[in-house]
Amino acid sequence: MTPAPPKSMDPRAATDLEELLSAPLGLRERKKLKTRRAIRAAAFRLFAAQGWDATTVDRIAAEADVSPSTFFRYFPTKEDLVITDDYDPVMEAALRARPPDESVMESLRQAILPSLRRIIGSEGDDMLLRMRLLNEVPAIRSRSTLEMIRSRDMLVTVLAERTGRPAGDLGLRALVSAVLAACSEAVDYWSANDGRGNVADLCEQALNAVAEGFSG
């Protein structure tokens, strides 16, 4: 069967998101991204309808119209559906495109917030479900820290190149870790309030608090 977008999804936002995610990629990579996102969309539909434990990999594969072996090529475990995403390459490309004389904090803000505003327009329901699963499923929660570290290391590497600082510079690690933690807290706050308000605006508020702390 062909996966259908969630009813709450704005088709224009979905198109914008596909363009955002696939812009740096070639044709083959775009096809792989489309398959990856189709599998994840099918899984999230099933998670919402029948819960985490009742949703098997075989059922997800059937819903996405792929084989179980194809599923495992894209997601080594069921938990990877939740803890991994496709946005790090988008953030990396946005960060590399920022002016070299811009402050590190402002570059991070501009790499994160515009992309988040477009992503939340099409995947708000999935983000709420992701946060619920993160809080409810210990296996997901325990592995999510590793994903945060991977994102941190990617951003630190790009910023070290931009600034000429050593790779793994402690100051950059502290700043990036604070930024990611602030965004995580904003999303958690938004989720705890059942998705009320604009999560990108909340993230911006959190980043402003971090910027004040680092400049004070």
N, C-alpha and C. Protein backbone atom coordinates (compact mmCIF):
# COMPACT_ATOMS: atom_id res chain seq x y z
N MET A 1 0.85 -1.19 0.00
CA MET A 1 0.00 0.00 0.00
C MET A 1 0.88 1.24 0.00
N THR A 2 0.33 2.32 -0.49
CA THR A 2 1.08 3.57 -0.54
C THR A 2 0.80 4.39 0.69
N PRO A 3 1.84 4.76 1.48
CA PRO A 3 1.61 5.51 2.70
C PRO A 3 0.95 6.85 2.40
N ALA A 4 -0.05 7.21 3.18
CA ALA A 4 -0.73 8.49 3.01
C ALA A 4 -0.27 9.42 4.11
N PRO A 5 -0.19 10.73 3.83
CA PRO A 5 0.22 11.66 4.87
C PRO A 5 -0.84 11.75 5.95
N PRO A 6 -0.45 12.02 7.20
CA PRO A 6 -1.42 12.20 8.25
C PRO A 6 -2.43 13.28 7.87
N LYS A 7 -3.68 13.14 8.33
CA LYS A 7 -4.72 14.08 7.94
C LYS A 7 -4.41 15.49 8.40
N SER A 8 -3.67 15.61 9.50
CA SER A 8 -3.37 16.93 10.03
C SER A 8 -2.25 17.63 9.29
N MET A 9 -1.60 16.94 8.37
CA MET A 9 -0.44 17.51 7.70
C MET A 9 -0.87 18.49 6.60
N ASP A 10 -0.26 19.63 6.56
CA ASP A 10 -0.45 20.58 5.49
C ASP A 10 0.37 20.13 4.29
N PRO A 11 -0.25 19.80 3.14
CA PRO A 11 0.52 19.30 2.00
C PRO A 11 1.61 20.27 1.55
N ARG A 12 1.35 21.57 1.65
CA ARG A 12 2.37 22.54 1.25
C ARG A 12 3.57 22.47 2.19
N ALA A 13 3.29 22.29 3.48
CA ALA A 13 4.38 22.17 4.44
C ALA A 13 5.17 20.90 4.19
N ALA A 14 4.46 19.81 3.84
CA ALA A 14 5.15 18.56 3.55
C ALA A 14 6.07 18.71 2.35
N THR A 15 5.60 19.41 1.31
CA THR A 15 6.43 19.64 0.14
C THR A 15 7.65 20.48 0.50
N ASP A 16 7.43 21.53 1.28
CA ASP A 16 8.55 22.37 1.71
C ASP A 16 9.57 21.55 2.48
N LEU A 17 9.08 20.64 3.33
CA LEU A 17 9.98 19.84 4.14
C LEU A 17 10.79 18.89 3.28
N GLU A 18 10.13 18.25 2.30
CA GLU A 18 10.86 17.36 1.41
C GLU A 18 11.95 18.13 0.66
N GLU A 19 11.63 19.34 0.21
CA GLU A 19 12.63 20.15 -0.49
C GLU A 19 13.77 20.52 0.45
N LEU A 20 13.42 20.86 1.68
CA LEU A 20 14.43 21.24 2.67
C LEU A 20 15.38 20.09 2.94
N LEU A 21 14.83 18.89 3.11
CA LEU A 21 15.66 17.74 3.45
C LEU A 21 16.47 17.23 2.28
N SER A 22 15.94 17.34 1.07
CA SER A 22 16.60 16.72 -0.08
C SER A 22 17.49 17.69 -0.85
N ALA A 23 17.46 18.98 -0.50
CA ALA A 23 18.19 19.97 -1.28
C ALA A 23 19.67 19.65 -1.49
N PRO A 24 20.41 19.19 -0.45
CA PRO A 24 21.84 18.94 -0.67
C PRO A 24 22.14 17.60 -1.33
N LEU A 25 21.11 16.80 -1.67
CA LEU A 25 21.32 15.41 -2.06
C LEU A 25 21.17 15.20 -3.55
N GLY A 26 21.82 14.14 -4.04
CA GLY A 26 21.64 13.71 -5.42
C GLY A 26 20.41 12.85 -5.56
N LEU A 27 20.13 12.40 -6.80
CA LEU A 27 18.90 11.65 -7.07
C LEU A 27 18.84 10.37 -6.25
N ARG A 28 19.93 9.61 -6.23
CA ARG A 28 19.92 8.35 -5.49
C ARG A 28 19.68 8.59 -4.01
N GLU A 29 20.34 9.60 -3.47
CA GLU A 29 20.18 9.89 -2.05
C GLU A 29 18.76 10.37 -1.74
N ARG A 30 18.17 11.14 -2.68
CA ARG A 30 16.79 11.59 -2.47
C ARG A 30 15.82 10.41 -2.44
N LYS A 31 16.05 9.42 -3.31
CA LYS A 31 15.20 8.23 -3.31
C LYS A 31 15.33 7.47 -2.00
N LYS A 32 16.56 7.37 -1.50
CA LYS A 32 16.76 6.68 -0.23
C LYS A 32 16.09 7.44 0.90
N LEU A 33 16.17 8.76 0.87
CA LEU A 33 15.52 9.57 1.89
C LEU A 33 14.01 9.39 1.84
N LYS A 34 13.46 9.33 0.62
CA LYS A 34 12.01 9.15 0.48
C LYS A 34 11.57 7.82 1.07
N THR A 35 12.34 6.76 0.82
CA THR A 35 12.01 5.45 1.39
C THR A 35 12.13 5.48 2.90
N ARG A 36 13.19 6.08 3.40
CA ARG A 36 13.41 6.17 4.84
C ARG A 36 12.25 6.89 5.52
N ARG A 37 11.82 7.98 4.92
CA ARG A 37 10.73 8.76 5.52
C ARG A 37 9.40 8.05 5.39
N ALA A 38 9.22 7.27 4.31
CA ALA A 38 7.98 6.50 4.17
C ALA A 38 7.89 5.42 5.25
N ILE A 39 9.01 4.78 5.54
CA ILE A 39 9.02 3.77 6.60
C ILE A 39 8.70 4.41 7.95
N ARG A 40 9.34 5.52 8.23
CA ARG A 40 9.10 6.18 9.51
C ARG A 40 7.64 6.66 9.61
N ALA A 41 7.10 7.22 8.52
CA ALA A 41 5.71 7.68 8.55
C ALA A 41 4.75 6.53 8.82
N ALA A 42 5.01 5.39 8.17
CA ALA A 42 4.17 4.21 8.41
C ALA A 42 4.26 3.77 9.86
N ALA A 43 5.47 3.76 10.40
CA ALA A 43 5.65 3.34 11.79
C ALA A 43 4.92 4.26 12.75
N PHE A 44 5.01 5.55 12.53
CA PHE A 44 4.37 6.49 13.44
C PHE A 44 2.86 6.41 13.36
N ARG A 45 2.31 6.11 12.18
CA ARG A 45 0.87 5.90 12.08
C ARG A 45 0.46 4.71 12.95
N LEU A 46 1.25 3.64 12.88
CA LEU A 46 0.95 2.44 13.67
C LEU A 46 1.16 2.67 15.15
N PHE A 47 2.22 3.36 15.52
CA PHE A 47 2.45 3.66 16.94
C PHE A 47 1.26 4.44 17.51
N ALA A 48 0.77 5.42 16.74
CA ALA A 48 -0.35 6.23 17.21
C ALA A 48 -1.63 5.41 17.33
N ALA A 49 -1.80 4.44 16.43
CA ALA A 49 -3.04 3.68 16.40
C ALA A 49 -3.06 2.53 17.39
N GLN A 50 -1.91 1.85 17.57
CA GLN A 50 -1.93 0.62 18.37
C GLN A 50 -0.85 0.53 19.43
N GLY A 51 -0.02 1.56 19.55
CA GLY A 51 0.98 1.57 20.61
C GLY A 51 2.31 0.97 20.18
N TRP A 52 3.32 1.21 21.00
CA TRP A 52 4.68 0.79 20.71
C TRP A 52 4.83 -0.73 20.73
N ASP A 53 4.41 -1.36 21.81
CA ASP A 53 4.64 -2.78 21.99
C ASP A 53 3.90 -3.63 20.95
N ALA A 54 2.72 -3.19 20.54
CA ALA A 54 1.93 -3.97 19.60
C ALA A 54 2.37 -3.81 18.16
N THR A 55 3.27 -2.89 17.90
CA THR A 55 3.70 -2.61 16.53
C THR A 55 5.00 -3.35 16.25
N THR A 56 4.94 -4.33 15.38
CA THR A 56 6.12 -5.12 15.03
C THR A 56 6.81 -4.57 13.80
N VAL A 57 8.07 -4.95 13.63
CA VAL A 57 8.81 -4.54 12.44
C VAL A 57 8.14 -5.07 11.18
N ASP A 58 7.66 -6.32 11.23
CA ASP A 58 6.99 -6.88 10.06
C ASP A 58 5.75 -6.06 9.69
N ARG A 59 5.01 -5.62 10.70
CA ARG A 59 3.81 -4.82 10.42
C ARG A 59 4.18 -3.47 9.84
N ILE A 60 5.24 -2.87 10.34
CA ILE A 60 5.69 -1.58 9.80
C ILE A 60 6.12 -1.74 8.35
N ALA A 61 6.89 -2.79 8.07
CA ALA A 61 7.36 -3.03 6.71
C ALA A 61 6.19 -3.20 5.76
N ALA A 62 5.16 -3.97 6.17
CA ALA A 62 3.99 -4.17 5.32
C ALA A 62 3.26 -2.85 5.09
N GLU A 63 3.13 -2.03 6.13
CA GLU A 63 2.44 -0.74 6.00
C GLU A 63 3.18 0.18 5.05
N ALA A 64 4.52 0.11 5.07
CA ALA A 64 5.34 0.97 4.20
C ALA A 64 5.58 0.35 2.83
N ASP A 65 5.09 -0.87 2.63
CA ASP A 65 5.24 -1.58 1.35
C ASP A 65 6.70 -1.84 1.03
N VAL A 66 7.45 -2.27 2.04
CA VAL A 66 8.84 -2.69 1.86
C VAL A 66 9.03 -4.03 2.56
N SER A 67 10.13 -4.70 2.28
CA SER A 67 10.43 -5.95 2.95
C SER A 67 11.06 -5.68 4.31
N PRO A 68 10.97 -6.63 5.25
CA PRO A 68 11.67 -6.46 6.53
C PRO A 68 13.17 -6.22 6.37
N SER A 69 13.78 -6.87 5.36
CA SER A 69 15.22 -6.65 5.16
C SER A 69 15.49 -5.21 4.73
N THR A 70 14.58 -4.63 3.94
CA THR A 70 14.73 -3.22 3.57
C THR A 70 14.58 -2.34 4.80
N PHE A 71 13.62 -2.67 5.66
CA PHE A 71 13.47 -1.91 6.90
C PHE A 71 14.78 -1.86 7.67
N PHE A 72 15.42 -3.02 7.83
CA PHE A 72 16.64 -3.06 8.64
C PHE A 72 17.83 -2.39 7.96
N ARG A 73 17.77 -2.21 6.66
CA ARG A 73 18.83 -1.43 6.00
C ARG A 73 18.75 0.04 6.39
N TYR A 74 17.56 0.50 6.67
CA TYR A 74 17.38 1.91 7.02
C TYR A 74 17.36 2.13 8.54
N PHE A 75 16.84 1.16 9.28
CA PHE A 75 16.71 1.30 10.73
C PHE A 75 17.16 -0.01 11.38
N PRO A 76 18.35 -0.05 11.95
CA PRO A 76 18.86 -1.29 12.54
C PRO A 76 17.97 -1.86 13.64
N THR A 77 17.24 -1.00 14.34
CA THR A 77 16.32 -1.45 15.38
C THR A 77 15.04 -0.62 15.30
N LYS A 78 14.00 -1.10 15.95
CA LYS A 78 12.75 -0.34 16.00
C LYS A 78 12.95 0.99 16.72
N GLU A 79 13.81 0.99 17.74
CA GLU A 79 14.07 2.23 18.49
C GLU A 79 14.65 3.32 17.60
N ASP A 80 15.41 2.93 16.57
CA ASP A 80 16.02 3.92 15.69
C ASP A 80 14.99 4.76 14.95
N LEU A 81 13.78 4.25 14.79
CA LEU A 81 12.72 5.04 14.18
C LEU A 81 12.44 6.32 14.96
N VAL A 82 12.64 6.24 16.25
CA VAL A 82 12.30 7.35 17.12
C VAL A 82 13.51 8.22 17.46
N ILE A 83 14.66 7.58 17.70
CA ILE A 83 15.79 8.36 18.20
C ILE A 83 16.61 9.01 17.10
N THR A 84 16.47 8.54 15.85
CA THR A 84 17.21 9.17 14.76
C THR A 84 16.26 10.02 13.93
N ASP A 85 16.82 11.01 13.26
CA ASP A 85 16.02 11.82 12.34
C ASP A 85 16.89 12.20 11.15
N ASP A 86 16.32 12.99 10.25
CA ASP A 86 17.02 13.34 9.01
C ASP A 86 17.49 14.79 9.01
N TYR A 87 17.54 15.42 10.17
CA TYR A 87 17.72 16.87 10.19
C TYR A 87 19.16 17.33 10.40
N ASP A 88 20.04 16.45 10.88
CA ASP A 88 21.42 16.88 11.07
C ASP A 88 22.07 17.39 9.79
N PRO A 89 21.89 16.71 8.64
CA PRO A 89 22.47 17.26 7.41
C PRO A 89 21.92 18.63 7.05
N VAL A 90 20.65 18.86 7.38
CA VAL A 90 20.04 20.17 7.11
C VAL A 90 20.70 21.22 7.99
N MET A 91 20.85 20.92 9.27
CA MET A 91 21.51 21.87 10.18
C MET A 91 22.95 22.12 9.77
N GLU A 92 23.64 21.05 9.38
CA GLU A 92 25.04 21.20 8.98
C GLU A 92 25.16 22.10 7.76
N ALA A 93 24.31 21.89 6.75
CA ALA A 93 24.36 22.72 5.54
C ALA A 93 24.02 24.17 5.87
N ALA A 94 23.01 24.36 6.73
CA ALA A 94 22.63 25.73 7.10
C ALA A 94 23.74 26.42 7.87
N LEU A 95 24.41 25.69 8.74
CA LEU A 95 25.50 26.27 9.53
C LEU A 95 26.68 26.64 8.64
N ARG A 96 27.01 25.78 7.70
CA ARG A 96 28.12 26.06 6.79
C ARG A 96 27.83 27.25 5.88
N ALA A 97 26.54 27.55 5.67
CA ALA A 97 26.16 28.66 4.79
C ALA A 97 26.16 30.01 5.50
N ARG A 98 26.31 30.03 6.80
CA ARG A 98 26.25 31.30 7.53
C ARG A 98 27.52 32.12 7.27
N PRO A 99 27.41 33.47 7.33
CA PRO A 99 28.57 34.34 7.10
C PRO A 99 29.69 34.02 8.07
N PRO A 100 30.94 34.01 7.61
CA PRO A 100 32.06 33.62 8.49
C PRO A 100 32.30 34.60 9.63
N ASP A 101 31.86 35.85 9.47
CA ASP A 101 32.10 36.84 10.54
C ASP A 101 30.93 36.91 11.53
N GLU A 102 29.95 36.07 11.36
CA GLU A 102 28.80 36.05 12.27
C GLU A 102 29.19 35.37 13.57
N SER A 103 28.58 35.80 14.67
CA SER A 103 28.89 35.18 15.95
C SER A 103 28.46 33.71 15.94
N VAL A 104 29.16 32.91 16.73
CA VAL A 104 28.86 31.48 16.79
C VAL A 104 27.42 31.26 17.24
N MET A 105 26.97 32.01 18.25
CA MET A 105 25.63 31.82 18.76
C MET A 105 24.58 32.16 17.71
N GLU A 106 24.79 33.25 16.99
CA GLU A 106 23.82 33.64 15.96
C GLU A 106 23.79 32.63 14.82
N SER A 107 24.95 32.12 14.46
CA SER A 107 25.00 31.09 13.41
C SER A 107 24.22 29.85 13.83
N LEU A 108 24.36 29.45 15.08
CA LEU A 108 23.60 28.30 15.57
C LEU A 108 22.10 28.57 15.54
N ARG A 109 21.72 29.76 15.96
CA ARG A 109 20.29 30.11 15.94
C ARG A 109 19.73 30.02 14.52
N GLN A 110 20.47 30.57 13.57
CA GLN A 110 19.99 30.60 12.19
C GLN A 110 20.07 29.23 11.52
N ALA A 111 20.89 28.35 12.04
CA ALA A 111 20.94 26.98 11.52
C ALA A 111 19.79 26.14 12.05
N ILE A 112 19.31 26.47 13.24
CA ILE A 112 18.29 25.64 13.90
C ILE A 112 16.87 26.15 13.69
N LEU A 113 16.63 27.43 13.96
CA LEU A 113 15.25 27.91 14.06
C LEU A 113 14.47 27.91 12.74
N PRO A 114 15.02 28.44 11.62
CA PRO A 114 14.22 28.41 10.38
C PRO A 114 13.85 27.00 9.94
N SER A 115 14.79 26.07 10.07
CA SER A 115 14.49 24.68 9.70
C SER A 115 13.43 24.10 10.62
N LEU A 116 13.53 24.39 11.91
CA LEU A 116 12.55 23.87 12.86
C LEU A 116 11.16 24.39 12.55
N ARG A 117 11.06 25.65 12.15
CA ARG A 117 9.74 26.21 11.84
C ARG A 117 9.10 25.48 10.66
N ARG A 118 9.89 25.10 9.68
CA ARG A 118 9.35 24.37 8.54
C ARG A 118 9.03 22.92 8.91
N ILE A 119 9.87 22.32 9.72
CA ILE A 119 9.66 20.93 10.10
C ILE A 119 8.39 20.78 10.94
N ILE A 120 8.19 21.68 11.90
CA ILE A 120 7.05 21.55 12.80
C ILE A 120 5.75 21.75 12.04
N GLY A 121 5.79 22.46 10.91
CA GLY A 121 4.58 22.67 10.13
C GLY A 121 4.01 21.40 9.54
N SER A 122 4.85 20.40 9.33
CA SER A 122 4.38 19.15 8.74
C SER A 122 4.48 17.96 9.67
N GLU A 123 5.26 18.08 10.76
CA GLU A 123 5.50 16.91 11.60
C GLU A 123 5.23 17.17 13.07
N GLY A 124 4.36 18.12 13.35
CA GLY A 124 4.06 18.43 14.74
C GLY A 124 3.49 17.24 15.49
N ASP A 125 2.54 16.52 14.88
CA ASP A 125 1.94 15.36 15.54
C ASP A 125 2.98 14.27 15.79
N ASP A 126 3.86 14.05 14.81
CA ASP A 126 4.90 13.05 14.98
C ASP A 126 5.87 13.44 16.08
N MET A 127 6.15 14.73 16.19
CA MET A 127 7.07 15.17 17.24
C MET A 127 6.47 14.95 18.62
N LEU A 128 5.17 15.19 18.75
CA LEU A 128 4.51 14.93 20.02
C LEU A 128 4.56 13.45 20.37
N LEU A 129 4.30 12.60 19.38
CA LEU A 129 4.35 11.16 19.61
C LEU A 129 5.77 10.72 19.95
N ARG A 130 6.75 11.29 19.27
CA ARG A 130 8.15 10.96 19.55
C ARG A 130 8.49 11.28 21.01
N MET A 131 8.06 12.42 21.48
CA MET A 131 8.35 12.80 22.86
C MET A 131 7.63 11.88 23.85
N ARG A 132 6.41 11.48 23.52
CA ARG A 132 5.69 10.57 24.40
C ARG A 132 6.41 9.23 24.50
N LEU A 133 6.86 8.72 23.36
CA LEU A 133 7.58 7.45 23.36
C LEU A 133 8.92 7.58 24.09
N LEU A 134 9.57 8.70 23.93
CA LEU A 134 10.84 8.93 24.62
C LEU A 134 10.66 8.84 26.13
N ASN A 135 9.54 9.36 26.61
CA ASN A 135 9.29 9.35 28.06
C ASN A 135 8.76 8.01 28.55
N GLU A 136 8.14 7.23 27.67
CA GLU A 136 7.48 6.00 28.09
C GLU A 136 8.30 4.73 27.88
N VAL A 137 9.22 4.75 26.91
CA VAL A 137 9.94 3.53 26.54
C VAL A 137 11.39 3.65 26.99
N PRO A 138 11.81 2.91 28.02
CA PRO A 138 13.18 3.04 28.54
C PRO A 138 14.26 2.81 27.49
N ALA A 139 14.06 1.86 26.56
CA ALA A 139 15.07 1.58 25.55
C ALA A 139 15.31 2.77 24.64
N ILE A 140 14.26 3.53 24.37
CA ILE A 140 14.39 4.73 23.55
C ILE A 140 15.09 5.82 24.34
N ARG A 141 14.66 6.01 25.57
CA ARG A 141 15.24 7.07 26.40
C ARG A 141 16.73 6.86 26.62
N SER A 142 17.14 5.63 26.85
CA SER A 142 18.55 5.37 27.14
C SER A 142 19.43 5.62 25.92
N ARG A 143 18.91 5.40 24.73
CA ARG A 143 19.71 5.59 23.52
C ARG A 143 19.64 7.01 22.97
N SER A 144 18.69 7.80 23.43
CA SER A 144 18.54 9.15 22.89
C SER A 144 19.75 10.02 23.21
N THR A 145 20.41 9.74 24.34
CA THR A 145 21.59 10.51 24.71
C THR A 145 22.69 10.36 23.66
N LEU A 146 22.85 9.17 23.12
CA LEU A 146 23.87 8.94 22.10
C LEU A 146 23.59 9.75 20.84
N GLU A 147 22.32 9.88 20.50
CA GLU A 147 21.96 10.68 19.33
C GLU A 147 22.26 12.16 19.57
N MET A 148 22.02 12.63 20.78
CA MET A 148 22.34 14.02 21.12
C MET A 148 23.84 14.27 21.03
N ILE A 149 24.64 13.32 21.46
CA ILE A 149 26.09 13.45 21.39
C ILE A 149 26.56 13.50 19.94
N ARG A 150 25.95 12.69 19.10
CA ARG A 150 26.31 12.69 17.68
C ARG A 150 26.02 14.05 17.04
N SER A 151 24.86 14.62 17.36
CA SER A 151 24.52 15.94 16.84
C SER A 151 25.48 17.00 17.37
N ARG A 152 25.79 16.90 18.66
CA ARG A 152 26.74 17.85 19.24
C ARG A 152 28.09 17.80 18.54
N ASP A 153 28.60 16.60 18.32
CA ASP A 153 29.91 16.47 17.70
C ASP A 153 29.92 17.01 16.28
N MET A 154 28.82 16.81 15.54
CA MET A 154 28.74 17.33 14.19
C MET A 154 28.80 18.86 14.20
N LEU A 155 28.01 19.49 15.07
CA LEU A 155 27.99 20.95 15.13
C LEU A 155 29.32 21.51 15.61
N VAL A 156 29.93 20.86 16.59
CA VAL A 156 31.23 21.32 17.10
C VAL A 156 32.29 21.24 16.00
N THR A 157 32.26 20.18 15.21
CA THR A 157 33.23 20.02 14.13
C THR A 157 33.11 21.16 13.12
N VAL A 158 31.88 21.50 12.74
CA VAL A 158 31.68 22.59 11.77
C VAL A 158 32.12 23.91 12.37
N LEU A 159 31.78 24.16 13.62
CA LEU A 159 32.15 25.43 14.24
C LEU A 159 33.66 25.54 14.44
N ALA A 160 34.32 24.43 14.73
CA ALA A 160 35.78 24.46 14.87
C ALA A 160 36.42 24.84 13.54
N GLU A 161 35.90 24.31 12.45
CA GLU A 161 36.41 24.68 11.13
C GLU A 161 36.20 26.16 10.85
N ARG A 162 35.03 26.66 11.22
CA ARG A 162 34.69 28.07 10.96
C ARG A 162 35.56 29.03 11.77
N THR A 163 35.84 28.65 13.01
CA THR A 163 36.52 29.57 13.91
C THR A 163 38.02 29.35 14.00
N GLY A 164 38.49 28.23 13.49
CA GLY A 164 39.90 27.92 13.61
C GLY A 164 40.29 27.36 14.96
N ARG A 165 39.32 27.05 15.78
CA ARG A 165 39.62 26.45 17.08
C ARG A 165 39.93 24.96 16.90
N PRO A 166 40.55 24.36 17.88
CA PRO A 166 40.85 22.92 17.79
C PRO A 166 39.56 22.10 17.72
N ALA A 167 39.63 20.97 17.05
CA ALA A 167 38.49 20.06 17.03
C ALA A 167 38.20 19.61 18.46
N GLY A 168 36.94 19.63 18.84
CA GLY A 168 36.58 19.25 20.19
C GLY A 168 36.86 20.32 21.23
N ASP A 169 37.04 21.57 20.81
CA ASP A 169 37.29 22.68 21.72
C ASP A 169 36.25 22.69 22.84
N LEU A 170 36.70 22.80 24.09
CA LEU A 170 35.79 22.70 25.23
C LEU A 170 34.75 23.82 25.21
N GLY A 171 35.17 25.04 24.87
CA GLY A 171 34.22 26.14 24.83
C GLY A 171 33.11 25.91 23.82
N LEU A 172 33.48 25.40 22.62
CA LEU A 172 32.47 25.11 21.61
C LEU A 172 31.57 23.96 22.07
N ARG A 173 32.17 22.95 22.69
CA ARG A 173 31.36 21.83 23.18
C ARG A 173 30.35 22.32 24.22
N ALA A 174 30.79 23.20 25.10
CA ALA A 174 29.89 23.70 26.14
C ALA A 174 28.74 24.50 25.52
N LEU A 175 29.08 25.36 24.55
CA LEU A 175 28.05 26.19 23.93
C LEU A 175 27.05 25.33 23.16
N VAL A 176 27.56 24.42 22.33
CA VAL A 176 26.67 23.58 21.53
C VAL A 176 25.82 22.69 22.43
N SER A 177 26.42 22.14 23.46
CA SER A 177 25.65 21.31 24.39
C SER A 177 24.54 22.11 25.05
N ALA A 178 24.84 23.35 25.41
CA ALA A 178 23.82 24.21 26.03
C ALA A 178 22.70 24.51 25.04
N VAL A 179 23.06 24.78 23.79
CA VAL A 179 22.06 25.08 22.76
C VAL A 179 21.15 23.88 22.54
N LEU A 180 21.74 22.70 22.39
CA LEU A 180 20.93 21.50 22.15
C LEU A 180 20.06 21.17 23.36
N ALA A 181 20.61 21.35 24.55
CA ALA A 181 19.83 21.09 25.77
C ALA A 181 18.67 22.08 25.87
N ALA A 182 18.92 23.34 25.50
CA ALA A 182 17.85 24.34 25.55
C ALA A 182 16.72 23.98 24.60
N CYS A 183 17.08 23.57 23.39
CA CYS A 183 16.06 23.16 22.42
C CYS A 183 15.31 21.92 22.91
N SER A 184 16.04 20.99 23.50
CA SER A 184 15.40 19.78 24.03
C SER A 184 14.42 20.13 25.14
N GLU A 185 14.81 21.06 26.01
CA GLU A 185 13.91 21.48 27.08
C GLU A 185 12.67 22.17 26.52
N ALA A 186 12.85 22.97 25.46
CA ALA A 186 11.71 23.65 24.84
C ALA A 186 10.73 22.64 24.26
N VAL A 187 11.26 21.64 23.57
CA VAL A 187 10.39 20.61 22.99
C VAL A 187 9.69 19.82 24.09
N ASP A 188 10.42 19.50 25.16
CA ASP A 188 9.83 18.76 26.27
C ASP A 188 8.73 19.58 26.94
N TYR A 189 8.96 20.87 27.11
CA TYR A 189 7.95 21.77 27.69
C TYR A 189 6.71 21.81 26.80
N TRP A 190 6.93 21.93 25.51
CA TRP A 190 5.83 21.96 24.53
C TRP A 190 5.04 20.65 24.58
N SER A 191 5.76 19.53 24.64
CA SER A 191 5.10 18.23 24.71
C SER A 191 4.31 18.08 26.00
N ALA A 192 4.87 18.51 27.11
CA ALA A 192 4.19 18.38 28.40
C ALA A 192 2.91 19.20 28.44
N ASN A 193 2.82 20.22 27.59
CA ASN A 193 1.62 21.05 27.48
C ASN A 193 0.77 20.66 26.28
N ASP A 194 0.90 19.38 25.86
CA ASP A 194 0.07 18.81 24.80
C ASP A 194 0.18 19.56 23.48
N GLY A 195 1.37 20.09 23.20
CA GLY A 195 1.60 20.74 21.92
C GLY A 195 1.00 22.12 21.80
N ARG A 196 0.61 22.70 22.92
CA ARG A 196 0.07 24.06 22.85
C ARG A 196 1.20 25.06 22.64
N GLY A 197 0.93 26.05 21.82
CA GLY A 197 1.94 27.05 21.50
C GLY A 197 2.80 26.60 20.34
N ASN A 198 3.74 27.44 19.96
CA ASN A 198 4.62 27.17 18.83
C ASN A 198 5.97 26.72 19.36
N VAL A 199 6.35 25.48 19.05
CA VAL A 199 7.57 24.93 19.62
C VAL A 199 8.80 25.69 19.14
N ALA A 200 8.77 26.21 17.91
CA ALA A 200 9.92 26.98 17.42
C ALA A 200 10.08 28.28 18.21
N ASP A 201 8.95 28.92 18.56
CA ASP A 201 9.02 30.12 19.38
C ASP A 201 9.57 29.80 20.77
N LEU A 202 9.15 28.66 21.32
CA LEU A 202 9.66 28.24 22.62
C LEU A 202 11.15 27.97 22.56
N CYS A 203 11.58 27.34 21.47
CA CYS A 203 13.01 27.08 21.29
C CYS A 203 13.78 28.39 21.20
N GLU A 204 13.21 29.36 20.50
CA GLU A 204 13.88 30.66 20.39
C GLU A 204 14.00 31.32 21.76
N GLN A 205 12.96 31.22 22.58
CA GLN A 205 13.04 31.77 23.94
C GLN A 205 14.15 31.09 24.73
N ALA A 206 14.23 29.77 24.60
CA ALA A 206 15.26 29.04 25.32
C ALA A 206 16.66 29.43 24.85
N LEU A 207 16.81 29.60 23.53
CA LEU A 207 18.11 30.00 22.99
C LEU A 207 18.48 31.41 23.43
N ASN A 208 17.49 32.29 23.54
CA ASN A 208 17.77 33.64 24.05
C ASN A 208 18.32 33.57 25.47
N ALA A 209 17.77 32.67 26.27
CA ALA A 209 18.24 32.52 27.64
C ALA A 209 19.69 32.02 27.66
N VAL A 210 20.02 31.09 26.75
CA VAL A 210 21.39 30.61 26.67
C VAL A 210 22.33 31.72 26.21
N ALA A 211 21.90 32.49 25.21
CA ALA A 211 22.75 33.58 24.70
C ALA A 211 23.03 34.60 25.79
N GLU A 212 22.03 34.92 26.59
CA GLU A 212 22.23 35.87 27.68
C GLU A 212 23.23 35.32 28.70
N GLY A 213 23.14 34.03 28.94
CA GLY A 213 24.06 33.42 29.90
C GLY A 213 25.49 33.42 29.42
N PHE A 214 25.71 33.19 28.13
CA PHE A 214 27.07 33.14 27.60
C PHE A 214 27.66 34.53 27.37
N SER A 215 26.78 35.53 27.24
CA SER A 215 27.29 36.89 27.00
C SER A 215 27.39 37.70 28.28
N GLY A 216 26.78 37.18 29.36
CA GLY A 216 26.75 37.92 30.59
C GLY A 216 28.04 37.82 31.39
